[in-house]
Structure formats: structure tokens, C-alpha cells
PDB file of N, CA and C in Angstrom:
ATOM      1  N   MET A   1     -92.299  64.240 -76.849  1.00  0.00           N
ATOM      2  CA  MET A   1     -92.228  64.682 -77.577  1.00  0.00           C
ATOM      3  C   MET A   1     -91.888  63.594 -78.302  1.00  0.00           C
ATOM      4  N   GLU A   2     -93.225  62.912 -79.441  1.00  0.00           N
ATOM      5  CA  GLU A   2     -92.624  61.628 -80.351  1.00  0.00           C
ATOM      6  C   GLU A   2     -92.378  62.477 -81.552  1.00  0.00           C
ATOM      7  N   ILE A   3     -90.916  61.388 -82.300  1.00  0.00           N
ATOM      8  CA  ILE A   3     -90.356  62.461 -83.806  1.00  0.00           C
ATOM      9  C   ILE A   3     -91.098  61.940 -84.293  1.00  0.00           C
ATOM     10  N   PRO A   4     -92.421  62.614 -84.739  1.00  0.00           N
ATOM     11  CA  PRO A   4     -92.702  61.778 -86.881  1.00  0.00           C
ATOM     12  C   PRO A   4     -91.647  61.394 -87.750  1.00  0.00           C
ATOM     13  N   ASP A   5     -91.604  60.404 -87.846  1.00  0.00           N
ATOM     14  CA  ASP A   5     -90.584  60.261 -89.145  1.00  0.00           C
ATOM     15  C   ASP A   5     -90.786  60.673 -90.174  1.00  0.00           C
ATOM     16  N   HIS A   6     -91.910  61.730 -90.723  1.00  0.00           N
ATOM     17  CA  HIS A   6     -90.820  62.883 -91.881  1.00  0.00           C
ATOM     18  C   HIS A   6     -91.059  64.258 -90.860  1.00  0.00           C
ATOM     19  N   VAL A   7     -89.519  63.898 -90.033  1.00  0.00           N
ATOM     20  CA  VAL A   7     -89.111  65.139 -90.169  1.00  0.00           C
ATOM     21  C   VAL A   7     -87.226  65.027 -90.575  1.00  0.00           C
ATOM     22  N   GLY A   8     -86.972  64.460 -91.433  1.00  0.00           N
ATOM     23  CA  GLY A   8     -85.697  64.917 -92.470  1.00  0.00           C
ATOM     24  C   GLY A   8     -84.830  64.015 -91.426  1.00  0.00           C
ATOM     25  N   PRO A   9     -83.580  63.938 -92.043  1.00  0.00           N
ATOM     26  CA  PRO A   9     -82.583  63.039 -91.830  1.00  0.00           C
ATOM     27  C   PRO A   9     -81.867  63.450 -90.714  1.00  0.00           C
ATOM     28  N   ARG A  10     -81.308  63.005 -89.831  1.00  0.00           N
ATOM     29  CA  ARG A  10     -81.090  63.750 -88.507  1.00  0.00           C
ATOM     30  C   ARG A  10     -79.766  64.524 -88.895  1.00  0.00           C
ATOM     31  N   PRO A  11     -78.547  65.194 -88.252  1.00  0.00           N
ATOM     32  CA  PRO A  11     -77.894  65.322 -88.978  1.00  0.00           C
ATOM     33  C   PRO A  11     -76.234  64.637 -88.100  1.00  0.00           C
ATOM     34  N   VAL A  12     -75.203  64.756 -88.957  1.00  0.00           N
ATOM     35  CA  VAL A  12     -74.608  64.029 -88.408  1.00  0.00           C
ATOM     36  C   VAL A  12     -73.583  65.037 -87.363  1.00  0.00           C
ATOM     37  N   PRO A  13     -73.517  64.622 -86.081  1.00  0.00           N
ATOM     38  CA  PRO A  13     -73.025  65.852 -85.159  1.00  0.00           C
ATOM     39  C   PRO A  13     -71.463  66.583 -85.546  1.00  0.00           C
ATOM     40  N   PRO A  14     -70.711  67.252 -85.042  1.00  0.00           N
ATOM     41  CA  PRO A  14     -69.482  68.029 -85.855  1.00  0.00           C
ATOM     42  C   PRO A  14     -69.063  67.416 -85.036  1.00  0.00           C
ATOM     43  N   PRO A  15     -67.481  67.028 -85.312  1.00  0.00           N
ATOM     44  CA  PRO A  15     -65.941  66.139 -84.488  1.00  0.00           C
ATOM     45  C   PRO A  15     -66.030  66.703 -82.582  1.00  0.00           C
ATOM     46  N   PHE A  16     -66.076  68.191 -82.865  1.00  0.00           N
ATOM     47  CA  PHE A  16     -66.347  68.468 -80.902  1.00  0.00           C
ATOM     48  C   PHE A  16     -67.794  67.936 -80.089  1.00  0.00           C
ATOM     49  N   MET A  17     -68.256  67.297 -80.915  1.00  0.00           N
ATOM     50  CA  MET A  17     -69.136  66.381 -79.761  1.00  0.00           C
ATOM     51  C   MET A  17     -68.749  64.752 -79.372  1.00  0.00           C
ATOM     52  N   TRP A  18     -68.282  64.761 -80.850  1.00  0.00           N
ATOM     53  CA  TRP A  18     -67.849  63.346 -80.532  1.00  0.00           C
ATOM     54  C   TRP A  18     -66.729  63.386 -79.764  1.00  0.00           C
ATOM     55  N   ALA A  19     -65.447  64.374 -79.476  1.00  0.00           N
ATOM     56  CA  ALA A  19     -64.132  65.441 -78.831  1.00  0.00           C
ATOM     57  C   ALA A  19     -64.615  64.771 -77.707  1.00  0.00           C
ATOM     58  N   CYS A  20     -66.058  64.810 -76.878  1.00  0.00           N
ATOM     59  CA  CYS A  20     -66.736  65.299 -75.591  1.00  0.00           C
ATOM     60  C   CYS A  20     -67.127  64.585 -75.262  1.00  0.00           C
ATOM     61  N   ARG A  21     -66.413  64.154 -73.955  1.00  0.00           N
ATOM     62  CA  ARG A  21     -67.472  63.144 -73.304  1.00  0.00           C
ATOM     63  C   ARG A  21     -68.867  63.098 -72.466  1.00  0.00           C
ATOM     64  N   GLU A  22     -69.034  64.418 -71.871  1.00  0.00           N
ATOM     65  CA  GLU A  22     -70.431  64.761 -72.276  1.00  0.00           C
ATOM     66  C   GLU A  22     -71.695  64.540 -73.786  1.00  0.00           C
ATOM     67  N   CYS A  23     -70.635  65.874 -74.493  1.00  0.00           N
ATOM     68  CA  CYS A  23     -71.621  66.108 -75.507  1.00  0.00           C
ATOM     69  C   CYS A  23     -71.937  64.309 -75.857  1.00  0.00           C
ATOM     70  N   THR A  24     -70.274  63.304 -75.918  1.00  0.00           N
ATOM     71  CA  THR A  24     -71.541  61.843 -76.613  1.00  0.00           C
ATOM     72  C   THR A  24     -71.976  61.659 -75.436  1.00  0.00           C
ATOM     73  N   ARG A  25     -72.267  61.317 -74.155  1.00  0.00           N
ATOM     74  CA  ARG A  25     -73.072  60.721 -73.024  1.00  0.00           C
ATOM     75  C   ARG A  25     -74.174  61.264 -73.831  1.00  0.00           C
ATOM     76  N   TRP A  26     -74.833  62.410 -74.333  1.00  0.00           N
ATOM     77  CA  TRP A  26     -75.984  62.956 -74.013  1.00  0.00           C
ATOM     78  C   TRP A  26     -76.050  62.861 -75.578  1.00  0.00           C
ATOM     79  N   LEU A  27     -75.704  62.776 -76.546  1.00  0.00           N
ATOM     80  CA  LEU A  27     -76.215  61.954 -78.053  1.00  0.00           C
ATOM     81  C   LEU A  27     -76.605  60.717 -78.292  1.00  0.00           C
ATOM     82  N   LEU A  28     -75.737  59.390 -77.179  1.00  0.00           N
ATOM     83  CA  LEU A  28     -76.357  58.074 -77.052  1.00  0.00           C
ATOM     84  C   LEU A  28     -77.113  57.681 -76.596  1.00  0.00           C
ATOM     85  N   ARG A  29     -77.328  58.747 -75.588  1.00  0.00           N
ATOM     86  CA  ARG A  29     -79.096  58.513 -74.753  1.00  0.00           C
ATOM     87  C   ARG A  29     -79.948  59.718 -76.663  1.00  0.00           C
ATOM     88  N   LEU A  30     -79.494  59.769 -76.607  1.00  0.00           N
ATOM     89  CA  LEU A  30     -81.190  60.849 -77.524  1.00  0.00           C
ATOM     90  C   LEU A  30     -80.989  59.869 -78.761  1.00  0.00           C
ATOM     91  N   ALA A  31     -80.160  59.093 -78.891  1.00  0.00           N
ATOM     92  CA  ALA A  31     -80.119  58.239 -79.792  1.00  0.00           C
ATOM     93  C   ALA A  31     -80.886  56.758 -79.110  1.00  0.00           C
ATOM     94  N   ARG A  32     -80.505  56.774 -77.986  1.00  0.00           N
ATOM     95  CA  ARG A  32     -80.934  55.428 -77.621  1.00  0.00           C
ATOM     96  C   ARG A  32     -82.673  55.260 -77.472  1.00  0.00           C
ATOM     97  N   THR A  33     -82.933  56.868 -77.391  1.00  0.00           N
ATOM     98  CA  THR A  33     -84.861  57.623 -76.917  1.00  0.00           C
ATOM     99  C   THR A  33     -85.323  57.790 -78.180  1.00  0.00           C
ATOM    100  N   TRP A  34     -84.473  58.020 -79.141  1.00  0.00           N
ATOM    101  CA  TRP A  34     -84.967  58.364 -80.032  1.00  0.00           C
ATOM    102  C   TRP A  34     -86.335  58.096 -81.296  1.00  0.00           C
ATOM    103  N   ASP A  35     -86.830  56.787 -80.661  1.00  0.00           N
ATOM    104  CA  ASP A  35     -87.739  55.825 -81.562  1.00  0.00           C
ATOM    105  C   ASP A  35     -88.990  55.627 -80.020  1.00  0.00           C
ATOM    106  N   ASP A  36     -88.032  56.153 -78.491  1.00  0.00           N
ATOM    107  CA  ASP A  36     -89.824  55.419 -77.815  1.00  0.00           C
ATOM    108  C   ASP A  36     -90.743  56.520 -78.038  1.00  0.00           C
ATOM    109  N   PRO A  37     -92.064  56.006 -78.017  1.00  0.00           N
ATOM    110  CA  PRO A  37     -93.646  56.791 -77.214  1.00  0.00           C
ATOM    111  C   PRO A  37     -93.111  57.904 -76.493  1.00  0.00           C
ATOM    112  N   GLU A  38     -92.374  57.543 -75.686  1.00  0.00           N
ATOM    113  CA  GLU A  38     -92.709  58.978 -74.824  1.00  0.00           C
ATOM    114  C   GLU A  38     -91.067  60.504 -76.173  1.00  0.00           C
ATOM    115  N   GLY A  39     -90.552  59.681 -76.455  1.00  0.00           N
ATOM    116  CA  GLY A  39     -90.199  60.999 -77.002  1.00  0.00           C
ATOM    117  C   GLY A  39     -88.573  60.820 -76.093  1.00  0.00           C
ATOM    118  N   CYS A  40     -87.856  62.125 -77.914  1.00  0.00           N
ATOM    119  CA  CYS A  40     -86.707  61.878 -76.828  1.00  0.00           C
ATOM    120  C   CYS A  40     -86.681  63.632 -76.423  1.00  0.00           C
ATOM    121  N   PHE A  41     -87.738  64.472 -75.721  1.00  0.00           N
ATOM    122  CA  PHE A  41     -87.454  65.667 -75.317  1.00  0.00           C
ATOM    123  C   PHE A  41     -86.528  66.509 -74.247  1.00  0.00           C
ATOM    124  N   TRP A  42     -86.356  65.079 -73.824  1.00  0.00           N
ATOM    125  CA  TRP A  42     -85.168  66.289 -71.904  1.00  0.00           C
ATOM    126  C   TRP A  42     -83.568  65.808 -72.783  1.00  0.00           C
ATOM    127  N   GLU A  43     -83.404  64.656 -73.906  1.00  0.00           N
ATOM    128  CA  GLU A  43     -82.523  64.289 -73.866  1.00  0.00           C
ATOM    129  C   GLU A  43     -81.645  65.758 -75.739  1.00  0.00           C
ATOM    130  N   GLN A  44     -82.734  65.870 -76.124  1.00  0.00           N
ATOM    131  CA  GLN A  44     -82.411  67.035 -76.926  1.00  0.00           C
ATOM    132  C   GLN A  44     -82.403  68.326 -75.962  1.00  0.00           C
ATOM    133  N   LEU A  45     -82.964  68.383 -74.784  1.00  0.00           N
ATOM    134  CA  LEU A  45     -83.155  70.050 -74.733  1.00  0.00           C
ATOM    135  C   LEU A  45     -81.619  69.744 -73.559  1.00  0.00           C
ATOM    136  N   GLN A  46     -81.362  68.921 -72.518  1.00  0.00           N
ATOM    137  CA  GLN A  46     -79.672  68.142 -72.154  1.00  0.00           C
ATOM    138  C   GLN A  46     -79.177  69.278 -72.811  1.00  0.00           C
ATOM    139  N   THR A  47     -79.183  67.714 -74.196  1.00  0.00           N
ATOM    140  CA  THR A  47     -78.087  68.307 -74.886  1.00  0.00           C
ATOM    141  C   THR A  47     -77.466  69.646 -75.581  1.00  0.00           C
ATOM    142  N   ALA A  48     -78.721  70.031 -75.974  1.00  0.00           N
ATOM    143  CA  ALA A  48     -78.395  71.446 -76.294  1.00  0.00           C
ATOM    144  C   ALA A  48     -78.002  72.577 -74.897  1.00  0.00           C
ATOM    145  N   GLN A  49     -78.698  71.981 -74.041  1.00  0.00           N
ATOM    146  CA  GLN A  49     -77.434  72.915 -72.810  1.00  0.00           C
ATOM    147  C   GLN A  49     -76.650  73.285 -72.745  1.00  0.00           C
ATOM    148  N   HIS A  50     -75.829  71.696 -73.112  1.00  0.00           N
ATOM    149  CA  HIS A  50     -74.562  71.310 -72.389  1.00  0.00           C
ATOM    150  C   HIS A  50     -73.691  71.916 -73.690  1.00  0.00           C
ATOM    151  N   ILE A  51     -74.164  72.303 -74.634  1.00  0.00           N
ATOM    152  CA  ILE A  51     -73.027  72.191 -75.525  1.00  0.00           C
ATOM    153  C   ILE A  51     -73.504  75.071 -75.610  1.00  0.00           C
ATOM    154  N   ALA A  52     -74.651  74.039 -74.930  1.00  0.00           N
ATOM    155  CA  ALA A  52     -74.685  76.456 -75.162  1.00  0.00           C
ATOM    156  C   ALA A  52     -73.492  76.591 -74.009  1.00  0.00           C
ATOM    157  N   GLU A  53     -73.593  76.176 -73.099  1.00  0.00           N
ATOM    158  CA  GLU A  53     -72.697  76.269 -71.638  1.00  0.00           C
ATOM    159  C   GLU A  53     -71.741  75.561 -71.734  1.00  0.00           C
ATOM    160  N   ALA A  54     -70.946  74.464 -72.237  1.00  0.00           N
ATOM    161  CA  ALA A  54     -70.011  74.159 -72.203  1.00  0.00           C
ATOM    162  C   ALA A  54     -68.515  74.580 -73.764  1.00  0.00           C
ATOM    163  N   HIS A  55     -69.708  74.557 -74.774  1.00  0.00           N
ATOM    164  CA  HIS A  55     -68.758  74.972 -75.939  1.00  0.00           C
ATOM    165  C   HIS A  55     -69.276  76.025 -76.732  1.00  0.00           C
ATOM    166  N   PRO A  56     -69.340  77.528 -76.032  1.00  0.00           N
ATOM    167  CA  PRO A  56     -70.474  79.144 -77.072  1.00  0.00           C
ATOM    168  C   PRO A  56     -69.706  79.105 -78.136  1.00  0.00           C
ATOM    169  N   ASP A  57     -68.720  78.937 -77.871  1.00  0.00           N
ATOM    170  CA  ASP A  57     -68.080  78.833 -79.434  1.00  0.00           C
ATOM    171  C   ASP A  57     -68.390  77.868 -80.998  1.00  0.00           C
ATOM    172  N   ASP A  58     -69.109  77.057 -80.231  1.00  0.00           N
ATOM    173  CA  ASP A  58     -69.400  76.529 -82.030  1.00  0.00           C
ATOM    174  C   ASP A  58     -70.887  76.409 -81.746  1.00  0.00           C
ATOM    175  N   VAL A  59     -71.849  77.352 -80.494  1.00  0.00           N
ATOM    176  CA  VAL A  59     -73.523  77.473 -81.290  1.00  0.00           C
ATOM    177  C   VAL A  59     -73.723  78.066 -82.978  1.00  0.00           C
ATOM    178  N   PRO A  60     -73.875  77.265 -83.386  1.00  0.00           N
ATOM    179  CA  PRO A  60     -74.259  78.260 -85.043  1.00  0.00           C
ATOM    180  C   PRO A  60     -75.019  79.383 -84.448  1.00  0.00           C
ATOM    181  N   PRO A  61     -74.817  81.031 -85.143  1.00  0.00           N
ATOM    182  CA  PRO A  61     -75.037  81.602 -85.683  1.00  0.00           C
ATOM    183  C   PRO A  61     -76.543  81.856 -85.774  1.00  0.00           C
ATOM    184  N   GLN A  62     -77.002  83.491 -85.433  1.00  0.00           N
ATOM    185  CA  GLN A  62     -78.677  83.286 -85.578  1.00  0.00           C
ATOM    186  C   GLN A  62     -78.692  82.588 -86.992  1.00  0.00           C
ATOM    187  N   HIS A  63     -80.520  81.969 -87.353  1.00  0.00           N
ATOM    188  CA  HIS A  63     -81.125  81.759 -88.272  1.00  0.00           C
ATOM    189  C   HIS A  63     -81.345  82.535 -89.021  1.00  0.00           C
ATOM    190  N   LEU A  64     -81.187  83.181 -90.530  1.00  0.00           N
ATOM    191  CA  LEU A  64     -80.982  84.342 -91.361  1.00  0.00           C
ATOM    192  C   LEU A  64     -82.405  84.015 -92.378  1.00  0.00           C
ATOM    193  N   ASP A  65     -82.941  82.710 -92.482  1.00  0.00           N
ATOM    194  CA  ASP A  65     -83.718  81.800 -93.047  1.00  0.00           C
ATOM    195  C   ASP A  65     -84.897  82.159 -92.555  1.00  0.00           C
ATOM    196  N   ASP A  66     -85.875  81.531 -92.345  1.00  0.00           N
ATOM    197  CA  ASP A  66     -87.087  81.467 -92.152  1.00  0.00           C
ATOM    198  C   ASP A  66     -87.623  80.834 -91.194  1.00  0.00           C
ATOM    199  N   CYS A  67     -86.496  81.284 -90.263  1.00  0.00           N
ATOM    200  CA  CYS A  67     -86.451  81.096 -88.640  1.00  0.00           C
ATOM    201  C   CYS A  67     -87.646  81.912 -87.743  1.00  0.00           C
ATOM    202  N   GLU A  68     -88.545  80.872 -87.552  1.00  0.00           N
ATOM    203  CA  GLU A  68     -89.601  82.156 -86.684  1.00  0.00           C
ATOM    204  C   GLU A  68     -89.267  82.686 -85.166  1.00  0.00           C
ATOM    205  N   LEU A  69     -88.078  82.024 -84.597  1.00  0.00           N
ATOM    206  CA  LEU A  69     -88.217  82.322 -83.318  1.00  0.00           C
ATOM    207  C   LEU A  69     -86.666  83.503 -83.284  1.00  0.00           C
ATOM    208  N   CYS A  70     -85.874  82.450 -84.199  1.00  0.00           N
ATOM    209  CA  CYS A  70     -84.697  83.851 -83.929  1.00  0.00           C
ATOM    210  C   CYS A  70     -85.351  86.307 -83.141  1.00  0.00           C
ATOM    211  N   PRO A  71     -85.815  86.048 -84.235  1.00  0.00           N
ATOM    212  CA  PRO A  71     -85.863  87.318 -84.508  1.00  0.00           C
ATOM    213  C   PRO A  71     -86.747  87.469 -82.821  1.00  0.00           C
ATOM    214  N   ASP A  72     -87.961  86.602 -82.312  1.00  0.00           N
ATOM    215  CA  ASP A  72     -87.851  87.041 -81.165  1.00  0.00           C
ATOM    216  C   ASP A  72     -86.745  87.125 -79.457  1.00  0.00           C
ATOM    217  N   TYR A  73     -85.615  86.285 -80.232  1.00  0.00           N
ATOM    218  CA  TYR A  73     -85.174  86.031 -78.833  1.00  0.00           C
ATOM    219  C   TYR A  73     -83.797  86.755 -79.373  1.00  0.00           C
ATOM    220  N   ALA A  74     -83.803  87.727 -80.423  1.00  0.00           N
ATOM    221  CA  ALA A  74     -82.177  88.448 -80.619  1.00  0.00           C
ATOM    222  C   ALA A  74     -83.396  90.079 -80.078  1.00  0.00           C
ATOM    223  N   ARG A  75     -84.404  89.919 -79.926  1.00  0.00           N
ATOM    224  CA  ARG A  75     -85.021  91.340 -80.176  1.00  0.00           C
ATOM    225  C   ARG A  75     -84.923  91.573 -78.121  1.00  0.00           C
ATOM    226  N   ARG A  76     -85.321  90.076 -77.978  1.00  0.00           N
ATOM    227  CA  ARG A  76     -84.339  90.097 -76.278  1.00  0.00           C
ATOM    228  C   ARG A  76     -83.048  91.107 -75.341  1.00  0.00           C
ATOM    229  N   GLY A  77     -83.595  91.259 -74.692  1.00  0.00           N
ATOM    230  CA  GLY A  77     -81.905  91.798 -74.226  1.00  0.00           C
ATOM    231  C   GLY A  77     -81.143  90.456 -73.045  1.00  0.00           C
ATOM    232  N   ASP A  78     -82.672  90.112 -71.992  1.00  0.00           N
ATOM    233  CA  ASP A  78     -82.137  89.414 -70.978  1.00  0.00           C
ATOM    234  C   ASP A  78     -81.178  88.464 -71.420  1.00  0.00           C
ATOM    235  N   ALA A  79     -80.426  87.913 -69.668  1.00  0.00           N
ATOM    236  CA  ALA A  79     -79.210  86.589 -70.520  1.00  0.00           C
ATOM    237  C   ALA A  79     -80.169  84.752 -70.332  1.00  0.00           C
ATOM    238  N   ASP A  80     -81.293  85.508 -69.811  1.00  0.00           N
ATOM    239  CA  ASP A  80     -82.016  83.605 -69.793  1.00  0.00           C
ATOM    240  C   ASP A  80     -81.945  84.051 -71.250  1.00  0.00           C
ATOM    241  N   ALA A  81     -82.567  84.448 -72.174  1.00  0.00           N
ATOM    242  CA  ALA A  81     -82.804  84.506 -73.718  1.00  0.00           C
ATOM    243  C   ALA A  81     -82.164  84.163 -74.202  1.00  0.00           C
ATOM    244  N   ALA A  82     -80.921  84.568 -74.161  1.00  0.00           N
ATOM    245  CA  ALA A  82     -79.508  84.913 -74.633  1.00  0.00           C
ATOM    246  C   ALA A  82     -79.539  82.765 -74.478  1.00  0.00           C
ATOM    247  N   GLY A  83     -79.479  82.532 -72.924  1.00  0.00           N
ATOM    248  CA  GLY A  83     -78.755  81.426 -73.188  1.00  0.00           C
ATOM    249  C   GLY A  83     -80.335  80.750 -74.038  1.00  0.00           C
ATOM    250  N   VAL A  84     -81.087  80.631 -73.868  1.00  0.00           N
ATOM    251  CA  VAL A  84     -81.973  79.811 -74.513  1.00  0.00           C
ATOM    252  C   VAL A  84     -82.180  79.958 -76.083  1.00  0.00           C
ATOM    253  N   TRP A  85     -81.625  80.994 -76.101  1.00  0.00           N
ATOM    254  CA  TRP A  85     -80.655  80.913 -77.524  1.00  0.00           C
ATOM    255  C   TRP A  85     -80.326  80.414 -78.241  1.00  0.00           C
ATOM    256  N   ALA A  86     -79.245  80.620 -77.045  1.00  0.00           N
ATOM    257  CA  ALA A  86     -78.283  79.633 -77.849  1.00  0.00           C
ATOM    258  C   ALA A  86     -78.662  78.389 -78.148  1.00  0.00           C
ATOM    259  N   GLN A  87     -79.060  77.725 -76.868  1.00  0.00           N
ATOM    260  CA  GLN A  87     -79.932  77.013 -76.801  1.00  0.00           C
ATOM    261  C   GLN A  87     -80.882  76.356 -78.448  1.00  0.00           C
ATOM    262  N   HIS A  88     -81.909  77.026 -79.259  1.00  0.00           N
ATOM    263  CA  HIS A  88     -82.189  76.808 -80.464  1.00  0.00           C
ATOM    264  C   HIS A  88     -81.183  76.671 -81.419  1.00  0.00           C
ATOM    265  N   ARG A  89     -80.420  77.474 -81.592  1.00  0.00           N
ATOM    266  CA  ARG A  89     -79.677  77.304 -82.306  1.00  0.00           C
ATOM    267  C   ARG A  89     -78.483  75.999 -82.888  1.00  0.00           C
ATOM    268  N   ALA A  90     -77.941  75.717 -80.981  1.00  0.00           N
ATOM    269  CA  ALA A  90     -77.366  74.100 -80.843  1.00  0.00           C
ATOM    270  C   ALA A  90     -77.933  73.248 -81.455  1.00  0.00           C
ATOM    271  N   ARG A  91     -79.375  72.932 -80.879  1.00  0.00           N
ATOM    272  CA  ARG A  91     -80.260  71.703 -81.197  1.00  0.00           C
ATOM    273  C   ARG A  91     -79.468  71.528 -83.051  1.00  0.00           C
ATOM    274  N   ASP A  92     -79.663  73.099 -83.990  1.00  0.00           N
ATOM    275  CA  ASP A  92     -79.465  72.675 -85.132  1.00  0.00           C
ATOM    276  C   ASP A  92     -78.257  71.133 -85.112  1.00  0.00           C
ATOM    277  N   LEU A  93     -77.497  71.188 -84.932  1.00  0.00           N
ATOM    278  CA  LEU A  93     -76.110  70.357 -84.804  1.00  0.00           C
ATOM    279  C   LEU A  93     -75.991  68.797 -84.388  1.00  0.00           C
ATOM    280  N   PHE A  94     -77.641  68.479 -84.158  1.00  0.00           N
ATOM    281  CA  PHE A  94     -77.726  67.134 -84.131  1.00  0.00           C
ATOM    282  C   PHE A  94     -79.107  66.929 -83.465  1.00  0.00           C
ATOM    283  N   MET A  95     -79.801  67.887 -84.585  1.00  0.00           N
ATOM    284  CA  MET A  95     -81.345  67.570 -84.526  1.00  0.00           C
ATOM    285  C   MET A  95     -82.176  67.684 -85.952  1.00  0.00           C
ATOM    286  N   PRO A  96     -82.524  67.670 -86.647  1.00  0.00           N
ATOM    287  CA  PRO A  96     -83.268  67.978 -88.283  1.00  0.00           C
ATOM    288  C   PRO A  96     -83.908  69.032 -88.193  1.00  0.00           C
ATOM    289  N   PRO A  97     -84.228  70.391 -89.081  1.00  0.00           N
ATOM    290  CA  PRO A  97     -84.859  71.755 -89.053  1.00  0.00           C
ATOM    291  C   PRO A  97     -86.173  72.338 -88.093  1.00  0.00           C
ATOM    292  N   SER A  98     -86.246  71.133 -88.626  1.00  0.00           N
ATOM    293  CA  SER A  98     -88.197  71.001 -88.556  1.00  0.00           C
ATOM    294  C   SER A  98     -88.325  70.291 -87.105  1.00  0.00           C
ATOM    295  N   ILE A  99     -87.365  69.558 -86.442  1.00  0.00           N
ATOM    296  CA  ILE A  99     -87.368  69.174 -85.205  1.00  0.00           C
ATOM    297  C   ILE A  99     -86.463  70.699 -84.307  1.00  0.00           C
ATOM    298  N   ALA A 100     -85.329  71.078 -84.539  1.00  0.00           N
ATOM    299  CA  ALA A 100     -84.941  71.935 -83.489  1.00  0.00           C
ATOM    300  C   ALA A 100     -85.255  72.724 -84.009  1.00  0.00           C
ATOM    301  N   ARG A 101     -85.673  73.425 -84.529  1.00  0.00           N
ATOM    302  CA  ARG A 101     -86.434  75.223 -84.818  1.00  0.00           C
ATOM    303  C   ARG A 101     -88.422  74.893 -84.169  1.00  0.00           C
ATOM    304  N   LEU A 102     -88.084  74.293 -83.557  1.00  0.00           N
ATOM    305  CA  LEU A 102     -89.383  74.079 -82.928  1.00  0.00           C
ATOM    306  C   LEU A 102     -89.304  74.455 -81.132  1.00  0.00           C
ATOM    307  N   LEU A 103     -87.752  74.378 -80.661  1.00  0.00           N
ATOM    308  CA  LEU A 103     -88.872  75.269 -78.894  1.00  0.00           C
ATOM    309  C   LEU A 103     -86.798  76.431 -79.735  1.00  0.00           C
TER     310      LEU A 103
END
């Protein structure tokens, strides 16, 4: 997934991410691959997965604005959907909303 120029600025990750060695490692990998033609899709997924698993209390709440995916995730009751939904919301911590909300 190549990141188009019009996606908006990347948010500054919150302090807990810089205090965590694993988060910092994924953030740095993401930064190095941001402009690669191959994109940084893997790094996005791994960063979100790590946050959802290691920092569940820091995952943002459900998007209450125009997010098309949150209502679908909220309706599903299985553990797999809950994990993917947490990853979806965690992406807001380090990706522009226009990209974070694609998955």
C-alpha cells in the first residue's frame, strides 16, 4: 500500500509508544518504509497489533464520527473481530485518519 501525498500529516504518537521498546521499534520501521514504493502496510499492521495486544488500555474508543467500519466491528461478537477492531482503532495513534480507517 503506497501512501499518497494527500493523506494528511501523520500524528505524533503518544508518549506510551515512545516509552515502549517494541512500539518504538515498529514506529522507526514504519518511518523508514513510509515513502517506499512497496509501502509500509506490514509495519502498520504489526504496530497496530502490538498496541492492541500489549497496550489494550491505550487503544482509543470506538470512532463516533463518520467511520464506516466501527459499526460493523461493534455488531460482531467474536474475539477475532474484537482484536481486529482494536487494531483498527489503534492505527489512529500513528497513522493519518484517511489511512488509519481503511482497515
